[in-house]
N, C-alpha and C. Protein backbone atom coordinates (compact mmCIF):
# COMPACT_ATOMS: atom_id res chain seq x y z
N MET A 1 -18.49 46.57 29.42
CA MET A 1 -18.30 45.49 28.45
C MET A 1 -19.56 45.36 27.61
N LEU A 2 -19.39 45.20 26.32
CA LEU A 2 -20.50 44.93 25.42
C LEU A 2 -20.68 43.42 25.30
N ARG A 3 -21.94 43.01 25.28
CA ARG A 3 -22.27 41.59 25.16
C ARG A 3 -23.27 41.42 24.03
N LEU A 4 -23.10 40.38 23.26
CA LEU A 4 -24.04 40.01 22.21
C LEU A 4 -24.48 38.59 22.44
N THR A 5 -25.77 38.32 22.22
CA THR A 5 -26.29 36.95 22.37
C THR A 5 -27.00 36.56 21.09
N LYS A 6 -26.71 35.37 20.62
CA LYS A 6 -27.40 34.78 19.47
C LYS A 6 -28.01 33.48 19.94
N ILE A 7 -29.24 33.20 19.48
CA ILE A 7 -29.99 32.02 19.92
C ILE A 7 -30.08 31.02 18.77
N PHE A 8 -29.85 29.74 19.11
CA PHE A 8 -29.87 28.66 18.13
C PHE A 8 -30.82 27.56 18.61
N ASN A 9 -31.39 26.84 17.67
CA ASN A 9 -32.27 25.73 17.99
C ASN A 9 -31.82 24.49 17.24
N PHE A 10 -31.89 23.35 17.91
CA PHE A 10 -31.56 22.08 17.26
C PHE A 10 -32.26 20.93 17.98
N GLU A 11 -32.37 19.83 17.28
CA GLU A 11 -33.01 18.61 17.81
C GLU A 11 -31.92 17.59 18.06
N MET A 12 -31.96 16.92 19.20
CA MET A 12 -30.94 15.93 19.51
C MET A 12 -31.48 14.92 20.50
N ALA A 13 -31.01 13.69 20.42
CA ALA A 13 -31.39 12.64 21.36
C ALA A 13 -30.18 12.20 22.18
N HIS A 14 -30.46 11.69 23.35
CA HIS A 14 -29.40 11.15 24.21
C HIS A 14 -30.02 10.21 25.22
N ALA A 15 -29.19 9.60 26.02
CA ALA A 15 -29.60 8.79 27.17
C ALA A 15 -28.54 8.98 28.24
N ILE A 16 -28.96 8.91 29.49
CA ILE A 16 -28.03 9.10 30.61
C ILE A 16 -27.84 7.76 31.32
N HIS A 17 -26.70 7.15 31.07
CA HIS A 17 -26.38 5.83 31.67
C HIS A 17 -26.19 6.00 33.18
N GLY A 18 -26.75 5.07 33.95
CA GLY A 18 -26.59 5.10 35.39
C GLY A 18 -27.66 5.92 36.10
N TYR A 19 -28.49 6.62 35.36
CA TYR A 19 -29.57 7.42 35.94
C TYR A 19 -30.75 6.49 36.20
N GLN A 20 -31.46 6.70 37.29
CA GLN A 20 -32.55 5.80 37.63
C GLN A 20 -33.92 6.25 37.13
N GLY A 21 -34.00 7.44 36.53
CA GLY A 21 -35.28 7.93 36.01
C GLY A 21 -35.45 7.63 34.55
N ALA A 22 -36.48 8.23 33.95
CA ALA A 22 -36.83 7.99 32.55
C ALA A 22 -35.71 8.39 31.59
N CYS A 23 -34.85 9.30 31.99
CA CYS A 23 -33.77 9.77 31.10
C CYS A 23 -32.69 8.73 30.90
N LYS A 24 -32.82 7.57 31.56
CA LYS A 24 -31.87 6.47 31.28
C LYS A 24 -32.13 5.85 29.92
N ASN A 25 -33.30 6.12 29.35
CA ASN A 25 -33.67 5.63 28.02
C ASN A 25 -33.37 6.68 26.97
N ILE A 26 -33.18 6.23 25.75
CA ILE A 26 -32.97 7.17 24.65
C ILE A 26 -34.21 8.03 24.48
N HIS A 27 -34.00 9.34 24.45
CA HIS A 27 -35.09 10.30 24.29
C HIS A 27 -34.51 11.57 23.66
N GLY A 28 -35.37 12.40 23.14
CA GLY A 28 -34.90 13.59 22.46
C GLY A 28 -35.41 14.88 23.07
N HIS A 29 -34.76 15.96 22.69
CA HIS A 29 -35.13 17.31 23.13
C HIS A 29 -35.08 18.25 21.95
N SER A 30 -35.88 19.29 22.04
CA SER A 30 -35.77 20.44 21.14
C SER A 30 -34.96 21.47 21.92
N TYR A 31 -33.66 21.47 21.68
CA TYR A 31 -32.75 22.33 22.45
C TYR A 31 -32.80 23.77 21.95
N GLU A 32 -32.58 24.68 22.88
CA GLU A 32 -32.38 26.08 22.55
C GLU A 32 -31.08 26.51 23.22
N LEU A 33 -30.14 27.00 22.42
CA LEU A 33 -28.82 27.39 22.90
C LEU A 33 -28.65 28.89 22.77
N HIS A 34 -28.32 29.56 23.88
CA HIS A 34 -28.01 30.99 23.88
C HIS A 34 -26.50 31.12 24.01
N VAL A 35 -25.88 31.77 23.04
CA VAL A 35 -24.44 31.99 23.02
C VAL A 35 -24.19 33.48 23.21
N THR A 36 -23.51 33.83 24.30
CA THR A 36 -23.21 35.23 24.60
C THR A 36 -21.71 35.46 24.52
N ILE A 37 -21.34 36.44 23.72
CA ILE A 37 -19.93 36.79 23.56
C ILE A 37 -19.75 38.28 23.89
N GLY A 38 -18.52 38.68 24.08
CA GLY A 38 -18.23 40.08 24.36
C GLY A 38 -16.77 40.38 24.10
N THR A 39 -16.44 41.64 24.28
CA THR A 39 -15.05 42.06 24.13
C THR A 39 -14.32 41.88 25.44
N SER A 40 -13.02 41.80 25.35
CA SER A 40 -12.23 41.67 26.57
C SER A 40 -11.94 43.03 27.20
N SER A 41 -12.29 44.10 26.51
CA SER A 41 -12.01 45.44 27.05
C SER A 41 -13.31 46.22 27.26
N VAL A 42 -13.23 47.23 28.06
CA VAL A 42 -14.37 48.11 28.33
C VAL A 42 -14.50 49.07 27.15
N GLN A 43 -15.70 49.15 26.60
CA GLN A 43 -15.95 50.03 25.44
C GLN A 43 -16.50 51.35 25.95
N LYS A 44 -15.70 52.42 25.85
CA LYS A 44 -16.12 53.74 26.34
C LYS A 44 -16.52 54.68 25.22
N GLU A 45 -16.15 54.34 24.01
CA GLU A 45 -16.48 55.20 22.85
C GLU A 45 -17.29 54.40 21.86
N TYR A 46 -17.94 55.12 20.95
CA TYR A 46 -18.67 54.47 19.89
C TYR A 46 -17.70 53.64 19.04
N ILE A 47 -18.23 52.58 18.47
CA ILE A 47 -17.42 51.68 17.66
C ILE A 47 -17.40 52.22 16.22
N PRO A 48 -16.22 52.33 15.65
CA PRO A 48 -16.13 52.83 14.27
C PRO A 48 -16.89 51.92 13.28
N SER A 49 -17.16 52.45 12.13
CA SER A 49 -17.89 51.74 11.07
C SER A 49 -17.26 50.36 10.84
N PRO A 50 -18.02 49.34 10.76
CA PRO A 50 -19.47 49.28 10.63
C PRO A 50 -20.23 49.31 11.95
N GLY A 51 -19.54 49.46 13.07
CA GLY A 51 -20.20 49.62 14.36
C GLY A 51 -20.44 48.32 15.13
N PHE A 52 -19.76 47.25 14.73
CA PHE A 52 -19.93 45.95 15.39
C PHE A 52 -18.67 45.58 16.17
N ILE A 53 -18.83 44.83 17.27
CA ILE A 53 -17.67 44.16 17.84
C ILE A 53 -17.45 42.86 17.10
N ILE A 54 -18.54 42.27 16.60
CA ILE A 54 -18.51 41.10 15.73
C ILE A 54 -19.89 41.04 15.06
N ASP A 55 -19.91 40.63 13.82
CA ASP A 55 -21.16 40.54 13.07
C ASP A 55 -21.95 39.32 13.57
N PHE A 56 -23.27 39.50 13.75
CA PHE A 56 -24.12 38.36 14.16
C PHE A 56 -24.00 37.22 13.17
N LYS A 57 -23.80 37.52 11.89
CA LYS A 57 -23.63 36.47 10.88
C LYS A 57 -22.38 35.65 11.14
N GLN A 58 -21.33 36.30 11.64
CA GLN A 58 -20.09 35.59 11.96
C GLN A 58 -20.32 34.64 13.14
N ILE A 59 -21.07 35.09 14.15
CA ILE A 59 -21.42 34.22 15.29
C ILE A 59 -22.23 33.04 14.79
N LYS A 60 -23.23 33.34 13.95
CA LYS A 60 -24.10 32.28 13.41
C LYS A 60 -23.30 31.24 12.64
N ASN A 61 -22.42 31.69 11.76
CA ASN A 61 -21.60 30.74 10.98
C ASN A 61 -20.69 29.90 11.87
N LEU A 62 -20.08 30.54 12.85
CA LEU A 62 -19.17 29.83 13.74
C LEU A 62 -19.92 28.75 14.53
N VAL A 63 -21.02 29.12 15.17
CA VAL A 63 -21.78 28.17 16.01
C VAL A 63 -22.41 27.08 15.16
N ASN A 64 -22.95 27.45 13.99
CA ASN A 64 -23.54 26.42 13.12
C ASN A 64 -22.49 25.40 12.70
N THR A 65 -21.33 25.87 12.30
CA THR A 65 -20.27 24.97 11.84
C THR A 65 -19.72 24.10 12.97
N ALA A 66 -19.46 24.70 14.13
CA ALA A 66 -18.80 24.00 15.23
C ALA A 66 -19.75 23.15 16.07
N ILE A 67 -21.02 23.57 16.17
CA ILE A 67 -21.94 22.91 17.11
C ILE A 67 -23.19 22.36 16.42
N ILE A 68 -23.97 23.23 15.83
CA ILE A 68 -25.31 22.86 15.36
C ILE A 68 -25.23 21.79 14.27
N ASP A 69 -24.38 21.99 13.28
CA ASP A 69 -24.27 21.02 12.19
C ASP A 69 -23.87 19.64 12.70
N LYS A 70 -23.13 19.60 13.79
CA LYS A 70 -22.69 18.33 14.37
C LYS A 70 -23.79 17.67 15.19
N PHE A 71 -24.52 18.46 15.99
CA PHE A 71 -25.48 17.90 16.94
C PHE A 71 -26.90 17.76 16.41
N ASP A 72 -27.31 18.60 15.47
CA ASP A 72 -28.70 18.58 15.04
C ASP A 72 -29.08 17.22 14.46
N HIS A 73 -30.16 16.66 14.99
CA HIS A 73 -30.68 15.35 14.60
C HIS A 73 -29.66 14.22 14.80
N SER A 74 -28.86 14.36 15.85
CA SER A 74 -27.91 13.30 16.19
C SER A 74 -28.37 12.60 17.48
N LEU A 75 -27.70 11.52 17.77
CA LEU A 75 -27.92 10.75 18.99
C LEU A 75 -26.56 10.65 19.69
N ILE A 76 -26.47 11.15 20.93
CA ILE A 76 -25.22 11.05 21.68
C ILE A 76 -25.42 10.04 22.81
N LEU A 77 -24.54 9.04 22.82
CA LEU A 77 -24.55 8.02 23.86
C LEU A 77 -23.15 7.86 24.41
N SER A 78 -23.05 7.50 25.67
CA SER A 78 -21.74 7.27 26.26
C SER A 78 -21.27 5.85 25.95
N GLU A 79 -19.95 5.66 26.07
CA GLU A 79 -19.38 4.32 25.90
C GLU A 79 -19.99 3.36 26.90
N ALA A 80 -20.24 3.83 28.14
CA ALA A 80 -20.84 2.97 29.17
C ALA A 80 -22.24 2.52 28.78
N PHE A 81 -23.03 3.45 28.22
CA PHE A 81 -24.38 3.10 27.76
C PHE A 81 -24.31 2.04 26.68
N LEU A 82 -23.40 2.19 25.73
CA LEU A 82 -23.29 1.25 24.63
C LEU A 82 -22.77 -0.12 25.07
N GLN A 83 -21.96 -0.15 26.13
CA GLN A 83 -21.52 -1.45 26.66
C GLN A 83 -22.72 -2.24 27.17
N ASP A 84 -23.68 -1.56 27.80
CA ASP A 84 -24.88 -2.22 28.33
C ASP A 84 -25.97 -2.40 27.28
N HIS A 85 -25.90 -1.65 26.19
CA HIS A 85 -26.93 -1.69 25.13
C HIS A 85 -26.24 -1.72 23.75
N PRO A 86 -25.51 -2.79 23.44
CA PRO A 86 -24.70 -2.81 22.22
C PRO A 86 -25.50 -2.72 20.92
N THR A 87 -26.77 -3.04 20.93
CA THR A 87 -27.56 -2.97 19.69
C THR A 87 -27.82 -1.53 19.26
N ASN A 88 -27.57 -0.57 20.12
CA ASN A 88 -27.75 0.84 19.76
C ASN A 88 -26.56 1.41 19.01
N ASN A 89 -25.57 0.61 18.73
CA ASN A 89 -24.36 1.06 18.04
C ASN A 89 -24.54 1.10 16.52
N ILE A 90 -25.76 0.91 16.04
CA ILE A 90 -26.00 0.81 14.59
C ILE A 90 -26.51 2.08 13.95
N HIS A 91 -26.75 3.13 14.72
CA HIS A 91 -27.36 4.35 14.19
C HIS A 91 -26.34 5.18 13.39
N ASP A 92 -26.76 5.65 12.22
CA ASP A 92 -25.89 6.48 11.37
C ASP A 92 -25.57 7.82 12.02
N ASN A 93 -26.48 8.32 12.84
CA ASN A 93 -26.32 9.65 13.45
C ASN A 93 -25.73 9.57 14.86
N LEU A 94 -25.12 8.45 15.22
CA LEU A 94 -24.60 8.23 16.57
C LEU A 94 -23.27 8.94 16.79
N ILE A 95 -23.19 9.66 17.90
CA ILE A 95 -21.94 10.24 18.39
C ILE A 95 -21.65 9.57 19.71
N ILE A 96 -20.47 9.03 19.89
CA ILE A 96 -20.10 8.31 21.11
C ILE A 96 -19.18 9.18 21.94
N TRP A 97 -19.55 9.35 23.21
CA TRP A 97 -18.74 10.14 24.15
C TRP A 97 -18.22 9.23 25.26
N GLU A 98 -17.08 9.64 25.83
CA GLU A 98 -16.54 8.95 27.00
C GLU A 98 -17.38 9.25 28.23
N VAL A 99 -17.98 10.43 28.29
CA VAL A 99 -18.77 10.88 29.43
C VAL A 99 -20.25 10.84 29.09
N GLU A 100 -21.08 10.99 30.10
CA GLU A 100 -22.52 11.03 29.87
C GLU A 100 -22.93 12.34 29.20
N PRO A 101 -23.80 12.28 28.20
CA PRO A 101 -24.22 13.49 27.49
C PRO A 101 -25.32 14.27 28.22
N SER A 102 -25.02 14.66 29.44
CA SER A 102 -25.94 15.48 30.22
C SER A 102 -25.87 16.92 29.69
N ALA A 103 -26.85 17.72 30.05
CA ALA A 103 -26.83 19.13 29.63
C ALA A 103 -25.53 19.80 30.08
N GLU A 104 -25.07 19.46 31.28
CA GLU A 104 -23.84 20.06 31.81
C GLU A 104 -22.62 19.68 30.97
N ASN A 105 -22.51 18.40 30.63
CA ASN A 105 -21.36 17.96 29.82
C ASN A 105 -21.45 18.47 28.39
N ILE A 106 -22.65 18.58 27.86
CA ILE A 106 -22.82 19.16 26.53
C ILE A 106 -22.34 20.62 26.54
N LEU A 107 -22.69 21.35 27.58
CA LEU A 107 -22.24 22.75 27.70
C LEU A 107 -20.73 22.85 27.81
N LEU A 108 -20.12 21.97 28.57
CA LEU A 108 -18.66 22.00 28.70
C LEU A 108 -17.99 21.72 27.36
N TYR A 109 -18.54 20.79 26.59
CA TYR A 109 -18.03 20.53 25.24
C TYR A 109 -18.18 21.78 24.37
N MET A 110 -19.35 22.40 24.40
CA MET A 110 -19.59 23.60 23.59
C MET A 110 -18.66 24.74 23.99
N GLN A 111 -18.44 24.92 25.28
CA GLN A 111 -17.56 25.99 25.77
C GLN A 111 -16.15 25.79 25.24
N GLU A 112 -15.65 24.59 25.36
CA GLU A 112 -14.28 24.30 24.88
C GLU A 112 -14.18 24.50 23.38
N THR A 113 -15.16 24.00 22.64
CA THR A 113 -15.14 24.10 21.19
C THR A 113 -15.23 25.53 20.70
N LEU A 114 -16.19 26.29 21.24
CA LEU A 114 -16.40 27.66 20.76
C LEU A 114 -15.27 28.59 21.20
N SER A 115 -14.79 28.45 22.42
CA SER A 115 -13.72 29.32 22.91
C SER A 115 -12.49 29.25 22.02
N SER A 116 -12.21 28.07 21.51
CA SER A 116 -11.00 27.90 20.69
C SER A 116 -11.16 28.45 19.28
N LYS A 117 -12.38 28.76 18.86
CA LYS A 117 -12.61 29.21 17.49
C LYS A 117 -12.95 30.70 17.36
N LEU A 118 -13.12 31.39 18.47
CA LEU A 118 -13.44 32.82 18.41
C LEU A 118 -12.20 33.66 18.11
N PRO A 119 -12.38 34.80 17.47
CA PRO A 119 -11.25 35.73 17.29
C PRO A 119 -10.65 36.08 18.64
N THR A 120 -9.37 36.41 18.67
CA THR A 120 -8.68 36.64 19.94
C THR A 120 -9.23 37.80 20.75
N ASP A 121 -9.83 38.80 20.10
CA ASP A 121 -10.37 39.95 20.82
C ASP A 121 -11.82 39.72 21.29
N ILE A 122 -12.38 38.56 20.99
CA ILE A 122 -13.76 38.23 21.39
C ILE A 122 -13.70 37.08 22.37
N LYS A 123 -14.48 37.20 23.45
CA LYS A 123 -14.48 36.16 24.51
C LYS A 123 -15.88 35.55 24.63
N LEU A 124 -15.91 34.25 24.84
CA LEU A 124 -17.15 33.57 25.16
C LEU A 124 -17.48 33.87 26.61
N LEU A 125 -18.64 34.47 26.86
CA LEU A 125 -19.01 34.88 28.20
C LEU A 125 -20.03 33.97 28.87
N GLN A 126 -20.95 33.43 28.08
CA GLN A 126 -22.01 32.66 28.68
C GLN A 126 -22.64 31.73 27.65
N LEU A 127 -23.02 30.56 28.11
CA LEU A 127 -23.81 29.61 27.33
C LEU A 127 -25.00 29.20 28.19
N LYS A 128 -26.14 29.13 27.56
CA LYS A 128 -27.35 28.67 28.25
C LYS A 128 -28.02 27.66 27.33
N LEU A 129 -28.21 26.43 27.82
CA LEU A 129 -28.77 25.36 27.01
C LEU A 129 -30.08 24.89 27.64
N PHE A 130 -31.18 25.18 26.95
CA PHE A 130 -32.50 24.74 27.39
C PHE A 130 -32.77 23.35 26.82
N GLU A 131 -33.08 22.38 27.73
CA GLU A 131 -33.52 21.07 27.29
C GLU A 131 -35.03 21.06 27.10
N THR A 132 -35.71 21.82 27.91
CA THR A 132 -37.14 22.04 27.77
C THR A 132 -37.34 23.55 27.93
N LYS A 133 -38.55 24.03 27.72
CA LYS A 133 -38.73 25.49 27.79
C LYS A 133 -38.54 26.04 29.18
N ASP A 134 -38.57 25.18 30.22
CA ASP A 134 -38.38 25.69 31.59
C ASP A 134 -37.24 25.03 32.34
N SER A 135 -36.36 24.35 31.63
CA SER A 135 -35.20 23.71 32.29
C SER A 135 -33.95 23.94 31.45
N PHE A 136 -32.94 24.54 32.06
CA PHE A 136 -31.71 24.81 31.32
C PHE A 136 -30.50 24.67 32.21
N ALA A 137 -29.36 24.44 31.55
CA ALA A 137 -28.06 24.46 32.21
C ALA A 137 -27.34 25.70 31.70
N GLU A 138 -26.45 26.24 32.53
CA GLU A 138 -25.79 27.50 32.18
C GLU A 138 -24.31 27.42 32.52
N TRP A 139 -23.49 27.93 31.62
CA TRP A 139 -22.05 28.09 31.85
C TRP A 139 -21.76 29.57 31.76
N ILE A 140 -21.02 30.10 32.76
CA ILE A 140 -20.64 31.51 32.78
C ILE A 140 -19.13 31.60 32.96
N ALA A 141 -18.48 32.39 32.13
CA ALA A 141 -17.03 32.53 32.19
C ALA A 141 -16.60 33.13 33.54
N ASP A 142 -15.46 32.68 34.02
CA ASP A 142 -14.86 33.28 35.22
C ASP A 142 -14.33 34.65 34.85
N ASN A 143 -14.37 35.58 35.77
CA ASN A 143 -13.83 36.93 35.52
C ASN A 143 -12.33 36.95 35.65
């Protein structure tokens, strides 16, 4: 199987309601997202011209439109957080979720969103979301 990975960067803030540490407060991260896609078939021969399974520009456009343009410089808060902190409902860049915007839940949202937008012969294989340079969450497709 051939795999391609494209890396994206964006800035986003969130808070984790019900958490007892510092992340219970609104704070931001410089996220790094690795998106890995591949074909559903085993490639045994060279790929005919232009030689791509998918153009990196196509991956870039898809991820930017579906994910980065939505999340970059946004604030994601859960409904539960806003019930306890109603004054935070005034931000122009606010996205409200039913669930907590943890790295894991953000990845699950990204997986669902991207999988539905890829060409049928291309599969989403892996997502890796770095919240800091040494901490990341990872989603890997089932075989």
